């Protein structure tokens, strides 16, 4: 099955997933989540108590109360500043609806996760770009200050960054907070990968760092629990009331059943923590070693971020990411995401949250495709 070139990452993923299903033996090396812990999830579902005294509670008005309490303990935040959503994407939509309007301008980081810009545009806002340092992923405070214009109403960031995996640590966030507070411009941090960045959950929550910050998170990427569509918003004081009003208007999709399961997960997350750590204990050393080999061979330029299950290597100078992605699929049944779809051509996004055997086999195909592509170009 040939995958046609497309203008958006969302469409590319839909086409590629369909292509992988139609081509048995293909390798989806682009997948950006930890693989689902199906046995753990099955055990929770089988033991779920549907009595009213258990976790099976209404998700109105702000979400399953047991889930919110568990999040409040984890992040050491007042539960009144938390709102449950049907996934992190729903949280982004609610925050954008709360803080944007037609004619507003929004700053979106680059490289980017495309959904952020698309959701902002859906409100009638116009998008401007805030470039991260290509080598370090940094966003200097002075760069943020210079990029904010008179009509800027929101800044949208991912932390860790999707697609690169680079992390803005707390010192970097506090420097951005000083700018946000001086310019009175809110910043939303999409933190679906934040759990990879450290053992201290409170320190990963940007909503702690400024009254002008908000955070969205979910159980999808870290725990592989995308089936639950469980996300949340955490608010700073300066943006809380507007987000609360938008939440009251728009959120009606949080599942009572899946959020009851999520409440159980958050109450005892240790098995799910052990799952993702075991996956990465196997795959990260493998990816690090193989990318170093490919770099020494002049086939790719790689920087593996310190945490997480994604990376964003660069093809040799002049390499076309879209052409290589199509070539790898056609000749090796290997799916790697072209960097153009994240706003930075010449790169590939690779995911390694699956079994070591699958990731290793995908890296074998990647090397073979890179070598064949180089020979073809000679």
Protein backbone atom coordinates (compact mmCIF):
# COMPACT_ATOMS: atom_id res chain seq x y z
CA UNK A 1 0.00 0.00 0.00
CA UNK A 2 1.40 3.39 -1.02
CA UNK A 3 1.00 6.21 1.48
CA UNK A 4 0.40 9.49 -0.37
CA UNK A 5 2.21 12.66 0.74
CA UNK A 6 -0.01 14.71 3.02
CA UNK A 7 0.01 18.17 4.51
CA UNK A 8 -0.65 17.22 8.14
CA UNK A 9 0.79 14.86 10.73
CA UNK A 10 -2.70 13.81 11.84
CA UNK A 11 -3.55 12.63 8.33
CA UNK A 12 -0.13 11.00 7.88
CA UNK A 13 -0.67 8.95 11.05
CA UNK A 14 -4.14 7.84 9.95
CA UNK A 15 -2.85 6.82 6.54
CA UNK A 16 0.22 5.09 7.99
CA UNK A 17 -1.69 3.12 10.60
CA UNK A 18 -4.03 1.90 7.86
CA UNK A 19 -1.01 1.05 5.68
CA UNK A 20 0.63 -0.92 8.51
CA UNK A 21 -2.56 -2.92 9.04
CA UNK A 22 -2.68 -3.67 5.32
CA UNK A 23 1.00 -4.70 5.20
CA UNK A 24 1.70 -7.49 7.70
CA UNK A 25 5.23 -7.47 9.04
CA UNK A 26 5.65 -3.70 8.79
CA UNK A 27 7.37 -1.81 11.60
CA UNK A 28 5.83 1.41 13.04
CA UNK A 29 8.99 3.03 14.41
CA UNK A 30 7.14 6.36 14.64
CA UNK A 31 4.86 5.34 17.55
CA UNK A 32 5.29 7.93 20.31
CA UNK A 33 3.75 6.20 23.36
CA UNK A 34 4.74 3.48 25.75
CA UNK A 35 3.07 0.28 24.61
CA UNK A 36 -0.18 -0.53 26.38
CA UNK A 37 0.19 -2.67 29.53
CA UNK A 38 -2.75 -4.81 28.47
CA UNK A 39 -2.49 -7.39 31.25
CA UNK A 40 -2.39 -4.71 33.95
CA UNK A 41 -5.34 -2.93 32.37
CA UNK A 42 -7.32 -6.15 32.06
CA UNK A 43 -6.77 -6.87 35.74
CA UNK A 44 -8.10 -3.48 36.75
CA UNK A 45 -11.14 -3.77 34.50
CA UNK A 46 -11.96 -7.22 35.84
CA UNK A 47 -11.76 -6.07 39.46
CA UNK A 48 -13.54 -2.73 39.06
CA UNK A 49 -16.22 -2.17 41.69
CA UNK A 50 -19.33 -0.57 40.19
CA UNK A 51 -20.87 0.19 43.55
CA UNK A 52 -21.48 3.88 44.25
CA UNK A 53 -19.10 3.72 47.21
CA UNK A 54 -16.22 2.71 44.91
CA UNK A 55 -14.39 4.59 42.15
CA UNK A 56 -17.32 4.35 39.72
CA UNK A 57 -18.46 7.94 40.23
CA UNK A 58 -19.99 10.66 38.11
CA UNK A 59 -17.44 12.81 36.28
CA UNK A 60 -19.57 15.93 36.84
CA UNK A 61 -18.94 18.72 37.63
CA UNK A 62 -15.11 18.59 37.30
CA UNK A 63 -14.29 14.89 37.00
CA UNK A 64 -14.13 11.72 39.06
CA UNK A 65 -13.45 13.02 42.60
CA UNK A 66 -11.20 10.11 43.52
CA UNK A 67 -9.12 10.70 40.40
CA UNK A 68 -8.85 14.40 41.15
CA UNK A 69 -7.82 13.70 44.72
CA UNK A 70 -5.12 11.30 43.53
CA UNK A 71 -3.80 13.91 41.10
CA UNK A 72 -3.86 16.55 43.83
CA UNK A 73 -1.69 14.34 46.04
CA UNK A 74 0.67 13.46 43.23
CA UNK A 75 1.26 17.06 42.16
CA UNK A 76 0.72 18.65 45.58
CA UNK A 77 -1.87 21.01 44.17
CA UNK A 78 -5.29 22.06 45.44
CA UNK A 79 -7.88 19.78 43.82
CA UNK A 80 -9.92 22.89 43.09
CA UNK A 81 -7.33 23.83 40.46
CA UNK A 82 -7.77 20.55 38.58
CA UNK A 83 -10.28 19.64 35.88
CA UNK A 84 -10.64 16.16 34.36
CA UNK A 85 -10.89 15.93 30.57
CA UNK A 86 -11.39 13.29 27.90
CA UNK A 87 -7.66 13.23 27.16
CA UNK A 88 -5.03 15.95 26.98
CA UNK A 89 -6.24 17.10 23.55
CA UNK A 90 -9.60 18.01 25.06
CA UNK A 91 -7.73 19.98 27.71
CA UNK A 92 -5.87 21.96 25.04
CA UNK A 93 -9.17 22.70 23.29
CA UNK A 94 -10.75 23.98 26.49
CA UNK A 95 -7.81 26.22 27.38
CA UNK A 96 -7.68 27.67 23.86
CA UNK A 97 -11.43 28.31 23.92
CA UNK A 98 -11.02 30.06 27.28
CA UNK A 99 -8.13 32.32 26.33
CA UNK A 100 -8.39 32.93 22.57
CA UNK A 101 -10.85 34.64 20.25
CA UNK A 102 -10.96 35.65 16.56
CA UNK A 103 -8.21 38.16 15.81
CA UNK A 104 -5.98 37.07 18.67
CA UNK A 105 -2.46 35.83 18.04
CA UNK A 106 -0.93 32.77 19.64
CA UNK A 107 2.74 31.78 19.87
CA UNK A 108 3.43 28.11 19.16
CA UNK A 109 6.84 26.54 19.62
CA UNK A 110 8.70 25.09 16.64
CA UNK A 111 9.36 22.19 16.15
CA UNK A 112 5.79 21.60 17.18
CA UNK A 113 3.08 19.09 17.79
CA UNK A 114 0.69 20.10 15.04
CA UNK A 115 -2.50 19.74 17.09
CA UNK A 116 -1.59 22.80 19.19
CA UNK A 117 -1.57 25.14 16.22
CA UNK A 118 -4.67 23.54 14.70
CA UNK A 119 -6.69 23.93 17.90
CA UNK A 120 -5.60 27.55 18.26
CA UNK A 121 -6.64 28.29 14.68
CA UNK A 122 -10.04 26.69 15.31
CA UNK A 123 -10.82 29.60 17.66
CA UNK A 124 -10.10 32.14 14.89
CA UNK A 125 -6.68 33.01 16.26
CA UNK A 126 -3.59 33.50 14.10
CA UNK A 127 -0.39 31.53 14.76
CA UNK A 128 3.12 32.90 15.15
CA UNK A 129 6.16 30.70 15.72
CA UNK A 130 8.63 30.57 18.60
CA UNK A 131 11.72 28.62 17.55
CA UNK A 132 13.51 26.36 20.01
CA UNK A 133 17.29 26.16 19.85
CA UNK A 134 18.02 23.29 17.40
CA UNK A 135 20.89 21.92 19.51
CA UNK A 136 19.47 22.19 23.03
CA UNK A 137 15.73 22.78 22.70
CA UNK A 138 16.07 25.89 24.85
CA UNK A 139 13.67 28.85 24.74
CA UNK A 140 15.58 31.86 26.12
CA UNK A 141 13.44 34.27 28.11
CA UNK A 142 14.54 37.12 25.85
CA UNK A 143 13.37 35.18 22.79
CA UNK A 144 9.92 34.74 24.32
CA UNK A 145 9.77 38.41 25.26
CA UNK A 146 10.75 39.49 21.74
CA UNK A 147 8.17 37.18 20.14
CA UNK A 148 5.20 38.43 22.17
CA UNK A 149 3.30 41.09 20.27
CA UNK A 150 0.48 43.44 21.22
CA UNK A 151 -2.16 40.90 20.16
CA UNK A 152 -0.52 37.77 21.62
CA UNK A 153 -2.97 36.12 23.99
CA UNK A 154 -1.43 32.70 24.59
CA UNK A 155 1.81 30.73 24.26
CA UNK A 156 1.62 26.98 23.55
CA UNK A 157 4.50 24.68 24.49
CA UNK A 158 5.07 20.96 24.95
CA UNK A 159 7.33 19.86 27.81
CA UNK A 160 9.15 17.61 27.15
CA UNK A 161 8.99 18.81 23.59
CA UNK A 162 7.22 16.70 21.00
CA UNK A 163 8.98 15.76 18.66
CA UNK A 164 12.51 16.25 20.09
CA UNK A 165 12.11 15.13 23.70
CA UNK A 166 14.04 18.18 24.98
CA UNK A 167 13.03 19.30 28.48
CA UNK A 168 12.55 22.79 29.90
CA UNK A 169 13.60 22.29 33.53
CA UNK A 170 12.16 24.32 36.37
CA UNK A 171 14.83 27.02 36.16
CA UNK A 172 14.05 27.51 32.47
CA UNK A 173 10.32 27.60 33.17
CA UNK A 174 10.75 30.19 35.93
CA UNK A 175 12.67 32.41 33.50
CA UNK A 176 9.74 32.16 31.08
CA UNK A 177 7.33 32.80 33.95
CA UNK A 178 8.96 36.18 34.62
CA UNK A 179 8.24 37.17 31.01
CA UNK A 180 4.67 35.85 31.09
CA UNK A 181 3.91 37.76 34.26
CA UNK A 182 5.48 40.99 33.04
CA UNK A 183 3.62 40.79 29.71
CA UNK A 184 0.45 39.31 31.25
CA UNK A 185 0.33 36.54 28.64
CA UNK A 186 -0.69 32.99 29.66
CA UNK A 187 1.43 29.96 28.76
CA UNK A 188 -0.05 26.49 28.35
CA UNK A 189 2.31 23.52 28.79
CA UNK A 190 1.26 20.22 27.24
CA UNK A 191 2.93 17.82 29.69
CA UNK A 192 1.88 14.41 28.41
CA UNK A 193 5.55 13.29 28.47
CA UNK A 194 6.43 15.02 31.74
CA UNK A 195 6.44 11.87 33.84
CA UNK A 196 9.55 10.72 32.00
CA UNK A 197 11.47 13.81 33.09
CA UNK A 198 11.95 13.06 36.78
CA UNK A 199 10.83 11.23 39.87
CA UNK A 200 9.44 14.35 41.57
CA UNK A 201 6.03 14.86 40.02
CA UNK A 202 5.39 18.29 41.63
CA UNK A 203 8.51 19.69 39.97
CA UNK A 204 7.26 18.72 36.51
CA UNK A 205 3.97 20.65 36.80
CA UNK A 206 4.35 24.07 35.19
CA UNK A 207 1.10 25.30 36.77
CA UNK A 208 3.06 25.52 40.04
CA UNK A 209 5.54 27.98 38.54
CA UNK A 210 3.38 30.99 37.73
CA UNK A 211 -0.21 32.22 38.10
CA UNK A 212 -0.09 32.75 34.33
CA UNK A 213 0.73 29.11 33.55
CA UNK A 214 -1.59 26.17 32.94
CA UNK A 215 -0.73 22.52 32.38
CA UNK A 216 -2.45 19.66 30.60
CA UNK A 217 -1.54 16.02 31.14
CA UNK A 218 -2.82 12.51 30.53
CA UNK A 219 -2.19 8.81 31.14
CA UNK A 220 -1.66 8.10 27.44
CA UNK A 221 2.05 8.54 26.69
CA UNK A 222 3.74 7.58 29.97
CA UNK A 223 1.54 4.64 30.94
CA UNK A 224 0.30 3.61 27.49
CA UNK A 225 -3.30 4.00 28.67
CA UNK A 226 -4.62 5.83 25.61
CA UNK A 227 -7.75 3.65 25.73
CA UNK A 228 -8.89 5.48 28.86
CA UNK A 229 -8.90 8.97 27.26
CA UNK A 230 -8.05 10.33 30.68
CA UNK A 231 -6.56 13.81 30.87
CA UNK A 232 -6.59 16.87 33.08
CA UNK A 233 -5.97 20.59 33.29
CA UNK A 234 -4.12 22.27 36.15
CA UNK A 235 -4.50 26.04 36.42
CA UNK A 236 -2.59 29.00 37.77
CA UNK A 237 -4.56 31.65 39.62
CA UNK A 238 -4.51 34.27 36.84
CA UNK A 239 -6.10 31.93 34.29
CA UNK A 240 -8.21 29.72 36.54
CA UNK A 241 -11.56 31.48 36.30
CA UNK A 242 -11.58 31.79 32.50
CA UNK A 243 -10.61 28.14 32.10
CA UNK A 244 -13.24 27.08 34.63
CA UNK A 245 -15.92 28.93 32.68
CA UNK A 246 -14.88 27.35 29.38
CA UNK A 247 -14.72 23.92 31.03
CA UNK A 248 -18.30 24.36 32.25
CA UNK A 249 -19.43 25.14 28.70
CA UNK A 250 -17.46 22.55 26.77
CA UNK A 251 -16.46 19.44 28.73
CA UNK A 252 -19.08 16.72 28.55
CA UNK A 253 -17.06 13.79 27.27
CA UNK A 254 -15.22 12.36 30.28
CA UNK A 255 -16.22 8.72 30.60
CA UNK A 256 -17.51 7.62 33.99
CA UNK A 257 -16.20 4.09 33.36
CA UNK A 258 -12.71 4.84 32.03
CA UNK A 259 -12.09 7.58 34.58
CA UNK A 260 -13.05 5.15 37.34
CA UNK A 261 -10.29 2.89 36.03
CA UNK A 262 -7.97 5.91 35.87
CA UNK A 263 -8.72 6.67 39.51
CA UNK A 264 -7.56 3.14 40.37
CA UNK A 265 -4.39 3.60 38.30
CA UNK A 266 -3.52 6.88 40.01
CA UNK A 267 -4.25 5.47 43.46
CA UNK A 268 -1.65 2.73 42.91
CA UNK A 269 0.56 3.69 39.99
CA UNK A 270 3.55 1.54 40.96
CA UNK A 271 2.82 -1.34 38.52
CA UNK A 272 2.38 1.12 35.65
CA UNK A 273 5.54 2.99 36.62
CA UNK A 274 7.37 -0.33 36.62
CA UNK A 275 5.97 -1.11 33.16
CA UNK A 276 7.30 1.98 31.39
CA UNK A 277 10.61 1.84 33.22
CA UNK A 278 11.08 -1.78 32.15
CA UNK A 279 10.30 -0.92 28.53
CA UNK A 280 12.82 1.94 28.44
CA UNK A 281 15.45 0.02 30.40
CA UNK A 282 15.48 -2.31 27.40
CA UNK A 283 15.07 0.11 24.51
CA UNK A 284 16.96 3.28 25.48
CA UNK A 285 20.42 1.66 25.62
CA UNK A 286 19.66 -0.07 22.34
CA UNK A 287 18.59 3.15 20.63
CA UNK A 288 21.53 5.09 22.04
CA UNK A 289 24.05 2.52 20.79
CA UNK A 290 22.48 2.10 17.35
CA UNK A 291 22.10 5.82 16.70
CA UNK A 292 25.74 6.33 17.68
CA UNK A 293 26.74 3.66 15.15
CA UNK A 294 24.66 5.32 12.44
CA UNK A 295 26.24 8.68 13.23
CA UNK A 296 29.77 7.25 13.02
CA UNK A 297 28.83 5.80 9.64
CA UNK A 298 27.69 9.24 8.46
CA UNK A 299 24.13 8.05 7.96
CA UNK A 300 22.38 10.28 10.49
CA UNK A 301 22.99 12.98 13.10
CA UNK A 302 21.45 11.97 16.39
CA UNK A 303 20.85 13.49 19.81
CA UNK A 304 19.04 11.18 22.21
CA UNK A 305 17.22 13.25 24.85
CA UNK A 306 17.87 12.41 28.48
CA UNK A 307 14.37 11.04 29.05
CA UNK A 308 11.33 9.72 27.23
CA UNK A 309 10.52 7.40 24.35
CA UNK A 310 11.00 9.67 21.31
CA UNK A 311 13.93 11.25 19.49
CA UNK A 312 14.36 13.45 16.44
CA UNK A 313 17.54 12.60 14.49
CA UNK A 314 18.62 14.62 11.48
CA UNK A 315 19.45 13.23 8.08
CA UNK A 316 22.81 14.17 6.54
CA UNK A 317 22.90 17.65 5.02
CA UNK A 318 20.60 17.86 2.03
CA UNK A 319 18.62 14.77 3.02
CA UNK A 320 14.89 15.09 2.35
CA UNK A 321 12.90 13.69 5.24
CA UNK A 322 9.71 13.25 3.25
CA UNK A 323 11.46 11.44 0.39
CA UNK A 324 13.37 9.20 2.80
CA UNK A 325 10.23 8.36 4.80
CA UNK A 326 8.47 7.30 1.59
CA UNK A 327 11.54 5.31 0.50
CA UNK A 328 11.82 3.51 3.85
CA UNK A 329 8.18 2.53 3.69
CA UNK A 330 8.33 1.40 0.07
CA UNK A 331 11.54 -0.63 0.36
CA UNK A 332 11.64 -1.78 4.01
CA UNK A 333 8.03 -1.52 5.26
CA UNK A 334 9.40 0.90 7.88
CA UNK A 335 7.25 3.79 9.12
CA UNK A 336 9.21 6.82 10.37
CA UNK A 337 7.62 10.27 10.59
CA UNK A 338 9.13 13.02 8.43
CA UNK A 339 10.24 16.09 10.37
CA UNK A 340 8.47 18.42 7.97
CA UNK A 341 5.23 17.45 9.69
CA UNK A 342 6.64 18.94 12.93
CA UNK A 343 7.92 22.14 11.36
CA UNK A 344 11.56 21.10 10.94
CA UNK A 345 12.47 19.50 7.63
CA UNK A 346 15.44 17.16 7.36
CA UNK A 347 14.61 15.26 10.56
CA UNK A 348 12.78 12.03 11.42
CA UNK A 349 10.74 11.34 14.53
CA UNK A 350 11.40 7.92 16.00
CA UNK A 351 9.54 6.25 18.87
CA UNK A 352 10.87 3.46 21.04
CA UNK A 353 8.20 2.71 23.63
CA UNK A 354 7.60 -0.83 22.36
CA UNK A 355 9.40 -4.11 23.02
CA UNK A 356 13.13 -4.22 22.55
CA UNK A 357 12.76 -6.84 19.82
CA UNK A 358 10.38 -4.64 17.82
CA UNK A 359 12.50 -1.52 18.26
CA UNK A 360 15.72 -3.35 17.42
CA UNK A 361 14.17 -4.83 14.29
CA UNK A 362 12.95 -1.36 13.32
CA UNK A 363 16.45 0.06 13.76
CA UNK A 364 17.82 -2.71 11.54
CA UNK A 365 15.39 -1.62 8.84
CA UNK A 366 16.30 2.02 9.42
CA UNK A 367 19.99 1.31 8.89
CA UNK A 368 19.31 -0.72 5.76
CA UNK A 369 17.08 2.02 4.37
CA UNK A 370 19.64 4.74 5.14
CA UNK A 371 22.41 2.81 3.44
CA UNK A 372 20.30 2.04 0.38
CA UNK A 373 19.09 5.63 0.17
CA UNK A 374 22.68 6.92 0.28
CA UNK A 375 23.78 4.47 -2.43
CA UNK A 376 20.86 5.48 -4.61
CA UNK A 377 21.87 9.15 -4.32
CA UNK A 378 25.45 8.48 -5.47
